[in-house]
Amino acid sequence: MVKIRLMRMGEKRNPFYRVVVADERNAQHGNFIAQVGTYNPTVEPSAINLDADEVKKWLANGAQPTETVAKLIKRAGILD
């Protein structure tokens, strides 16, 4: 199954995440199909940058977001 999930980047105690579309069988830092955005929780307020068209396209094609990514999509205002 294809999932929209977070891929952790950054340094120790300074996380930065990429929002990627990947096969659920791949490792967290393994191959991914597409990068659809970024999430930076260390700044105030948290920076959420998502490509709305790409996210909608992947959701229409059957990709399932993880719980955290679903919350980020809702906070970004892409889906209500």
PDB file of N, CA and C in Angstrom:
ATOM      1  N   MET A   1       0.845  -1.175   0.000  1.00  0.00           N
ATOM      2  CA  MET A   1       0.000   0.000   0.000  1.00  0.00           C
ATOM      3  C   MET A   1       0.895   1.245   0.000  1.00  0.00           C
ATOM      4  N   VAL A   2       0.464   2.257  -0.700  1.00  0.00           N
ATOM      5  CA  VAL A   2       1.194   3.518  -0.752  1.00  0.00           C
ATOM      6  C   VAL A   2       0.709   4.407   0.385  1.00  0.00           C
ATOM      7  N   LYS A   3       1.669   4.975   1.112  1.00  0.00           N
ATOM      8  CA  LYS A   3       1.348   5.836   2.255  1.00  0.00           C
ATOM      9  C   LYS A   3       2.001   7.200   2.085  1.00  0.00           C
ATOM     10  N   ILE A   4       1.340   8.204   2.648  1.00  0.00           N
ATOM     11  CA  ILE A   4       1.936   9.536   2.766  1.00  0.00           C
ATOM     12  C   ILE A   4       2.402   9.627   4.210  1.00  0.00           C
ATOM     13  N   ARG A   5       3.713   9.768   4.399  1.00  0.00           N
ATOM     14  CA  ARG A   5       4.259   9.719   5.752  1.00  0.00           C
ATOM     15  C   ARG A   5       5.416  10.700   5.910  1.00  0.00           C
ATOM     16  N   LEU A   6       5.899  10.807   7.141  1.00  0.00           N
ATOM     17  CA  LEU A   6       7.011  11.701   7.446  1.00  0.00           C
ATOM     18  C   LEU A   6       8.328  10.947   7.348  1.00  0.00           C
ATOM     19  N   MET A   7       9.347  11.631   6.844  1.00  0.00           N
ATOM     20  CA  MET A   7      10.700  11.089   6.817  1.00  0.00           C
ATOM     21  C   MET A   7      11.565  12.053   7.616  1.00  0.00           C
ATOM     22  N   ARG A   8      12.130  11.575   8.709  1.00  0.00           N
ATOM     23  CA  ARG A   8      12.881  12.453   9.613  1.00  0.00           C
ATOM     24  C   ARG A   8      14.228  12.813   9.008  1.00  0.00           C
ATOM     25  N   MET A   9      14.531  14.089   9.083  1.00  0.00           N
ATOM     26  CA  MET A   9      15.804  14.609   8.629  1.00  0.00           C
ATOM     27  C   MET A   9      16.343  15.481   9.765  1.00  0.00           C
ATOM     28  N   GLY A  10      17.420  16.161   9.534  1.00  0.00           N
ATOM     29  CA  GLY A  10      17.949  17.084  10.532  1.00  0.00           C
ATOM     30  C   GLY A  10      18.930  16.421  11.475  1.00  0.00           C
ATOM     31  N   GLU A  11      19.327  17.187  12.462  1.00  0.00           N
ATOM     32  CA  GLU A  11      20.321  16.743  13.412  1.00  0.00           C
ATOM     33  C   GLU A  11      19.678  16.234  14.701  1.00  0.00           C
ATOM     34  N   LYS A  12      20.521  15.755  15.571  1.00  0.00           N
ATOM     35  CA  LYS A  12      20.051  15.308  16.870  1.00  0.00           C
ATOM     36  C   LYS A  12      19.446  16.496  17.616  1.00  0.00           C
ATOM     37  N   ARG A  13      18.260  16.311  18.172  1.00  0.00           N
ATOM     38  CA  ARG A  13      17.508  17.325  18.912  1.00  0.00           C
ATOM     39  C   ARG A  13      17.086  18.521  18.051  1.00  0.00           C
ATOM     40  N   ASN A  14      17.155  18.378  16.738  1.00  0.00           N
ATOM     41  CA  ASN A  14      16.723  19.438  15.830  1.00  0.00           C
ATOM     42  C   ASN A  14      16.031  18.792  14.630  1.00  0.00           C
ATOM     43  N   PRO A  15      14.865  18.204  14.852  1.00  0.00           N
ATOM     44  CA  PRO A  15      14.224  17.451  13.778  1.00  0.00           C
ATOM     45  C   PRO A  15      13.639  18.348  12.695  1.00  0.00           C
ATOM     46  N   PHE A  16      13.603  17.800  11.512  1.00  0.00           N
ATOM     47  CA  PHE A  16      13.010  18.415  10.343  1.00  0.00           C
ATOM     48  C   PHE A  16      12.454  17.255   9.538  1.00  0.00           C
ATOM     49  N   TYR A  17      11.260  17.380   9.030  1.00  0.00           N
ATOM     50  CA  TYR A  17      10.621  16.261   8.364  1.00  0.00           C
ATOM     51  C   TYR A  17      10.284  16.591   6.919  1.00  0.00           C
ATOM     52  N   ARG A  18      10.420  15.603   6.042  1.00  0.00           N
ATOM     53  CA  ARG A  18       9.911  15.672   4.689  1.00  0.00           C
ATOM     54  C   ARG A  18       8.621  14.860   4.665  1.00  0.00           C
ATOM     55  N   VAL A  19       7.624  15.360   3.978  1.00  0.00           N
ATOM     56  CA  VAL A  19       6.392  14.614   3.783  1.00  0.00           C
ATOM     57  C   VAL A  19       6.542  13.910   2.440  1.00  0.00           C
ATOM     58  N   VAL A  20       6.589  12.579   2.476  1.00  0.00           N
ATOM     59  CA  VAL A  20       6.867  11.805   1.272  1.00  0.00           C
ATOM     60  C   VAL A  20       5.769  10.785   1.014  1.00  0.00           C
ATOM     61  N   VAL A  21       5.682  10.378  -0.237  1.00  0.00           N
ATOM     62  CA  VAL A  21       4.801   9.292  -0.652  1.00  0.00           C
ATOM     63  C   VAL A  21       5.700   8.079  -0.855  1.00  0.00           C
ATOM     64  N   ALA A  22       5.420   6.994  -0.134  1.00  0.00           N
ATOM     65  CA  ALA A  22       6.288   5.825  -0.191  1.00  0.00           C
ATOM     66  C   ALA A  22       5.474   4.552  -0.024  1.00  0.00           C
ATOM     67  N   ASP A  23       6.034   3.469  -0.515  1.00  0.00           N
ATOM     68  CA  ASP A  23       5.449   2.154  -0.286  1.00  0.00           C
ATOM     69  C   ASP A  23       5.662   1.822   1.185  1.00  0.00           C
ATOM     70  N   GLU A  24       4.648   1.301   1.843  1.00  0.00           N
ATOM     71  CA  GLU A  24       4.755   1.046   3.282  1.00  0.00           C
ATOM     72  C   GLU A  24       5.790  -0.014   3.617  1.00  0.00           C
ATOM     73  N   ARG A  25       6.206  -0.821   2.640  1.00  0.00           N
ATOM     74  CA  ARG A  25       7.191  -1.870   2.902  1.00  0.00           C
ATOM     75  C   ARG A  25       8.609  -1.324   2.952  1.00  0.00           C
ATOM     76  N   ASN A  26       8.833  -0.114   2.456  1.00  0.00           N
ATOM     77  CA  ASN A  26      10.166   0.485   2.499  1.00  0.00           C
ATOM     78  C   ASN A  26      10.461   1.027   3.884  1.00  0.00           C
ATOM     79  N   ALA A  27      11.752   1.081   4.211  1.00  0.00           N
ATOM     80  CA  ALA A  27      12.180   1.602   5.503  1.00  0.00           C
ATOM     81  C   ALA A  27      11.878   3.091   5.600  1.00  0.00           C
ATOM     82  N   GLN A  28      11.942   3.614   6.827  1.00  0.00           N
ATOM     83  CA  GLN A  28      11.648   5.030   7.052  1.00  0.00           C
ATOM     84  C   GLN A  28      12.551   5.925   6.207  1.00  0.00           C
ATOM     85  N   HIS A  29      13.806   5.567   6.079  1.00  0.00           N
ATOM     86  CA  HIS A  29      14.745   6.361   5.290  1.00  0.00           C
ATOM     87  C   HIS A  29      15.041   5.700   3.954  1.00  0.00           C
ATOM     88  N   GLY A  30      14.153   4.800   3.527  1.00  0.00           N
ATOM     89  CA  GLY A  30      14.351   4.097   2.267  1.00  0.00           C
ATOM     90  C   GLY A  30      13.864   4.889   1.074  1.00  0.00           C
ATOM     91  N   ASN A  31      13.635   4.171  -0.014  1.00  0.00           N
ATOM     92  CA  ASN A  31      13.179   4.817  -1.238  1.00  0.00           C
ATOM     93  C   ASN A  31      11.786   5.392  -1.053  1.00  0.00           C
ATOM     94  N   PHE A  32      11.552   6.508  -1.727  1.00  0.00           N
ATOM     95  CA  PHE A  32      10.217   7.094  -1.726  1.00  0.00           C
ATOM     96  C   PHE A  32       9.853   7.456  -3.154  1.00  0.00           C
ATOM     97  N   ILE A  33       8.564   7.574  -3.401  1.00  0.00           N
ATOM     98  CA  ILE A  33       8.064   7.842  -4.748  1.00  0.00           C
ATOM     99  C   ILE A  33       8.123   9.334  -5.053  1.00  0.00           C
ATOM    100  N   ALA A  34       7.647  10.160  -4.132  1.00  0.00           N
ATOM    101  CA  ALA A  34       7.604  11.607  -4.360  1.00  0.00           C
ATOM    102  C   ALA A  34       7.665  12.341  -3.032  1.00  0.00           C
ATOM    103  N   GLN A  35       8.216  13.547  -3.066  1.00  0.00           N
ATOM    104  CA  GLN A  35       8.205  14.426  -1.902  1.00  0.00           C
ATOM    105  C   GLN A  35       7.130  15.470  -2.136  1.00  0.00           C
ATOM    106  N   VAL A  36       6.177  15.575  -1.191  1.00  0.00           N
ATOM    107  CA  VAL A  36       5.050  16.489  -1.379  1.00  0.00           C
ATOM    108  C   VAL A  36       5.076  17.665  -0.417  1.00  0.00           C
ATOM    109  N   GLY A  37       6.079  17.739   0.462  1.00  0.00           N
ATOM    110  CA  GLY A  37       6.138  18.877   1.360  1.00  0.00           C
ATOM    111  C   GLY A  37       7.159  18.697   2.462  1.00  0.00           C
ATOM    112  N   THR A  38       7.159  19.676   3.376  1.00  0.00           N
ATOM    113  CA  THR A  38       8.050  19.643   4.526  1.00  0.00           C
ATOM    114  C   THR A  38       7.286  20.064   5.773  1.00  0.00           C
ATOM    115  N   TYR A  39       7.853  19.690   6.932  1.00  0.00           N
ATOM    116  CA  TYR A  39       7.272  20.050   8.225  1.00  0.00           C
ATOM    117  C   TYR A  39       8.415  20.326   9.182  1.00  0.00           C
ATOM    118  N   ASN A  40       8.412  21.522   9.785  1.00  0.00           N
ATOM    119  CA  ASN A  40       9.442  21.900  10.739  1.00  0.00           C
ATOM    120  C   ASN A  40       8.792  22.265  12.065  1.00  0.00           C
ATOM    121  N   PRO A  41       8.828  21.345  13.055  1.00  0.00           N
ATOM    122  CA  PRO A  41       8.175  21.616  14.339  1.00  0.00           C
ATOM    123  C   PRO A  41       9.008  22.464  15.294  1.00  0.00           C
ATOM    124  N   THR A  42      10.250  22.778  14.938  1.00  0.00           N
ATOM    125  CA  THR A  42      11.121  23.483  15.881  1.00  0.00           C
ATOM    126  C   THR A  42      10.928  24.990  15.873  1.00  0.00           C
ATOM    127  N   VAL A  43      10.275  25.536  14.860  1.00  0.00           N
ATOM    128  CA  VAL A  43      10.021  26.973  14.832  1.00  0.00           C
ATOM    129  C   VAL A  43       8.648  27.245  15.431  1.00  0.00           C
ATOM    130  N   GLU A  44       8.419  28.478  15.835  1.00  0.00           N
ATOM    131  CA  GLU A  44       7.129  28.829  16.437  1.00  0.00           C
ATOM    132  C   GLU A  44       6.449  29.873  15.578  1.00  0.00           C
ATOM    133  N   PRO A  45       5.305  29.660  14.995  1.00  0.00           N
ATOM    134  CA  PRO A  45       4.547  28.410  14.949  1.00  0.00           C
ATOM    135  C   PRO A  45       5.174  27.412  13.975  1.00  0.00           C
ATOM    136  N   SER A  46       4.785  26.172  14.100  1.00  0.00           N
ATOM    137  CA  SER A  46       5.345  25.115  13.260  1.00  0.00           C
ATOM    138  C   SER A  46       5.141  25.436  11.785  1.00  0.00           C
ATOM    139  N   ALA A  47       6.174  25.178  10.998  1.00  0.00           N
ATOM    140  CA  ALA A  47       6.121  25.473   9.562  1.00  0.00           C
ATOM    141  C   ALA A  47       5.665  24.236   8.801  1.00  0.00           C
ATOM    142  N   ILE A  48       4.528  24.344   8.137  1.00  0.00           N
ATOM    143  CA  ILE A  48       3.988  23.247   7.328  1.00  0.00           C
ATOM    144  C   ILE A  48       3.911  23.748   5.891  1.00  0.00           C
ATOM    145  N   ASN A  49       4.698  23.146   5.003  1.00  0.00           N
ATOM    146  CA  ASN A  49       4.701  23.505   3.586  1.00  0.00           C
ATOM    147  C   ASN A  49       4.326  22.264   2.784  1.00  0.00           C
ATOM    148  N   LEU A  50       3.105  22.247   2.260  1.00  0.00           N
ATOM    149  CA  LEU A  50       2.638  21.112   1.473  1.00  0.00           C
ATOM    150  C   LEU A  50       2.196  21.588   0.099  1.00  0.00           C
ATOM    151  N   ASP A  51       2.480  20.779  -0.915  1.00  0.00           N
ATOM    152  CA  ASP A  51       1.997  21.049  -2.268  1.00  0.00           C
ATOM    153  C   ASP A  51       0.581  20.479  -2.349  1.00  0.00           C
ATOM    154  N   ALA A  52      -0.415  21.355  -2.275  1.00  0.00           N
ATOM    155  CA  ALA A  52      -1.811  20.930  -2.187  1.00  0.00           C
ATOM    156  C   ALA A  52      -2.232  20.087  -3.387  1.00  0.00           C
ATOM    157  N   ASP A  53      -1.795  20.470  -4.587  1.00  0.00           N
ATOM    158  CA  ASP A  53      -2.184  19.714  -5.780  1.00  0.00           C
ATOM    159  C   ASP A  53      -1.627  18.297  -5.744  1.00  0.00           C
ATOM    160  N   GLU A  54      -0.360  18.158  -5.337  1.00  0.00           N
ATOM    161  CA  GLU A  54       0.254  16.825  -5.263  1.00  0.00           C
ATOM    162  C   GLU A  54      -0.409  15.965  -4.195  1.00  0.00           C
ATOM    163  N   VAL A  55      -0.703  16.554  -3.034  1.00  0.00           N
ATOM    164  CA  VAL A  55      -1.343  15.796  -1.954  1.00  0.00           C
ATOM    165  C   VAL A  55      -2.718  15.301  -2.407  1.00  0.00           C
ATOM    166  N   LYS A  56      -3.498  16.185  -3.020  1.00  0.00           N
ATOM    167  CA  LYS A  56      -4.825  15.788  -3.503  1.00  0.00           C
ATOM    168  C   LYS A  56      -4.727  14.715  -4.567  1.00  0.00           C
ATOM    169  N   LYS A  57      -3.731  14.823  -5.456  1.00  0.00           N
ATOM    170  CA  LYS A  57      -3.548  13.823  -6.510  1.00  0.00           C
ATOM    171  C   LYS A  57      -3.261  12.449  -5.909  1.00  0.00           C
ATOM    172  N   TRP A  58      -2.349  12.398  -4.937  1.00  0.00           N
ATOM    173  CA  TRP A  58      -2.001  11.114  -4.334  1.00  0.00           C
ATOM    174  C   TRP A  58      -3.152  10.537  -3.510  1.00  0.00           C
ATOM    175  N   LEU A  59      -3.900  11.394  -2.826  1.00  0.00           N
ATOM    176  CA  LEU A  59      -5.063  10.904  -2.075  1.00  0.00           C
ATOM    177  C   LEU A  59      -6.121  10.354  -3.028  1.00  0.00           C
ATOM    178  N   ALA A  60      -6.310  11.006  -4.177  1.00  0.00           N
ATOM    179  CA  ALA A  60      -7.272  10.524  -5.172  1.00  0.00           C
ATOM    180  C   ALA A  60      -6.829   9.202  -5.783  1.00  0.00           C
ATOM    181  N   ASN A  61      -5.514   8.974  -5.841  1.00  0.00           N
ATOM    182  CA  ASN A  61      -4.986   7.726  -6.395  1.00  0.00           C
ATOM    183  C   ASN A  61      -4.937   6.601  -5.368  1.00  0.00           C
ATOM    184  N   GLY A  62      -5.377   6.865  -4.136  1.00  0.00           N
ATOM    185  CA  GLY A  62      -5.479   5.799  -3.138  1.00  0.00           C
ATOM    186  C   GLY A  62      -4.411   5.774  -2.076  1.00  0.00           C
ATOM    187  N   ALA A  63      -3.535   6.757  -2.031  1.00  0.00           N
ATOM    188  CA  ALA A  63      -2.520   6.788  -0.979  1.00  0.00           C
ATOM    189  C   ALA A  63      -3.188   7.097   0.362  1.00  0.00           C
ATOM    190  N   GLN A  64      -2.736   6.429   1.411  1.00  0.00           N
ATOM    191  CA  GLN A  64      -3.298   6.605   2.744  1.00  0.00           C
ATOM    192  C   GLN A  64      -2.331   7.397   3.608  1.00  0.00           C
ATOM    193  N   PRO A  65      -2.758   8.547   4.169  1.00  0.00           N
ATOM    194  CA  PRO A  65      -1.860   9.290   5.062  1.00  0.00           C
ATOM    195  C   PRO A  65      -1.790   8.625   6.433  1.00  0.00           C
ATOM    196  N   THR A  66      -0.640   8.767   7.090  1.00  0.00           N
ATOM    197  CA  THR A  66      -0.536   8.308   8.464  1.00  0.00           C
ATOM    198  C   THR A  66      -1.335   9.277   9.338  1.00  0.00           C
ATOM    199  N   GLU A  67      -1.524   8.936  10.606  1.00  0.00           N
ATOM    200  CA  GLU A  67      -2.308   9.801  11.496  1.00  0.00           C
ATOM    201  C   GLU A  67      -1.704  11.192  11.600  1.00  0.00           C
ATOM    202  N   THR A  68      -0.387  11.257  11.761  1.00  0.00           N
ATOM    203  CA  THR A  68       0.279  12.544  11.912  1.00  0.00           C
ATOM    204  C   THR A  68       0.157  13.379  10.646  1.00  0.00           C
ATOM    205  N   VAL A  69       0.356  12.756   9.498  1.00  0.00           N
ATOM    206  CA  VAL A  69       0.263  13.487   8.236  1.00  0.00           C
ATOM    207  C   VAL A  69      -1.169  13.930   7.982  1.00  0.00           C
ATOM    208  N   ALA A  70      -2.151  13.127   8.377  1.00  0.00           N
ATOM    209  CA  ALA A  70      -3.549  13.531   8.218  1.00  0.00           C
ATOM    210  C   ALA A  70      -3.832  14.795   9.026  1.00  0.00           C
ATOM    211  N   LYS A  71      -3.272  14.886  10.225  1.00  0.00           N
ATOM    212  CA  LYS A  71      -3.432  16.089  11.048  1.00  0.00           C
ATOM    213  C   LYS A  71      -2.759  17.288  10.397  1.00  0.00           C
ATOM    214  N   LEU A  72      -1.572  17.072   9.813  1.00  0.00           N
ATOM    215  CA  LEU A  72      -0.867  18.165   9.146  1.00  0.00           C
ATOM    216  C   LEU A  72      -1.639  18.653   7.924  1.00  0.00           C
ATOM    217  N   ILE A  73      -2.221  17.726   7.168  1.00  0.00           N
ATOM    218  CA  ILE A  73      -3.012  18.090   5.990  1.00  0.00           C
ATOM    219  C   ILE A  73      -4.212  18.923   6.415  1.00  0.00           C
ATOM    220  N   LYS A  74      -4.833  18.523   7.498  1.00  0.00           N
ATOM    221  CA  LYS A  74      -5.996  19.277   7.991  1.00  0.00           C
ATOM    222  C   LYS A  74      -5.577  20.667   8.473  1.00  0.00           C
ATOM    223  N   ARG A  75      -4.456  20.748   9.222  1.00  0.00           N
ATOM    224  CA  ARG A  75      -3.980  22.044   9.706  1.00  0.00           C
ATOM    225  C   ARG A  75      -3.557  22.969   8.572  1.00  0.00           C
ATOM    226  N   ALA A  76      -3.066  22.389   7.473  1.00  0.00           N
ATOM    227  CA  ALA A  76      -2.665  23.196   6.312  1.00  0.00           C
ATOM    228  C   ALA A  76      -3.869  23.673   5.518  1.00  0.00           C
ATOM    229  N   GLY A  77      -5.050  23.119   5.814  1.00  0.00           N
ATOM    230  CA  GLY A  77      -6.262  23.554   5.143  1.00  0.00           C
ATOM    231  C   GLY A  77      -6.503  22.919   3.792  1.00  0.00           C
ATOM    232  N   ILE A  78      -5.811  21.826   3.499  1.00  0.00           N
ATOM    233  CA  ILE A  78      -5.976  21.162   2.205  1.00  0.00           C
ATOM    234  C   ILE A  78      -7.276  20.379   2.181  1.00  0.00           C
ATOM    235  N   LEU A  79      -7.553  19.632   3.213  1.00  0.00           N
ATOM    236  CA  LEU A  79      -8.807  18.897   3.330  1.00  0.00           C
ATOM    237  C   LEU A  79      -9.506  19.328   4.615  1.00  0.00           C
ATOM    238  N   ASP A  80     -10.808  19.447   4.547  1.00  0.00           N
ATOM    239  CA  ASP A  80     -11.560  19.859   5.742  1.00  0.00           C
ATOM    240  C   ASP A  80     -12.244  18.704   6.404  1.00  0.00           C
TER     241      ASP A  80
END
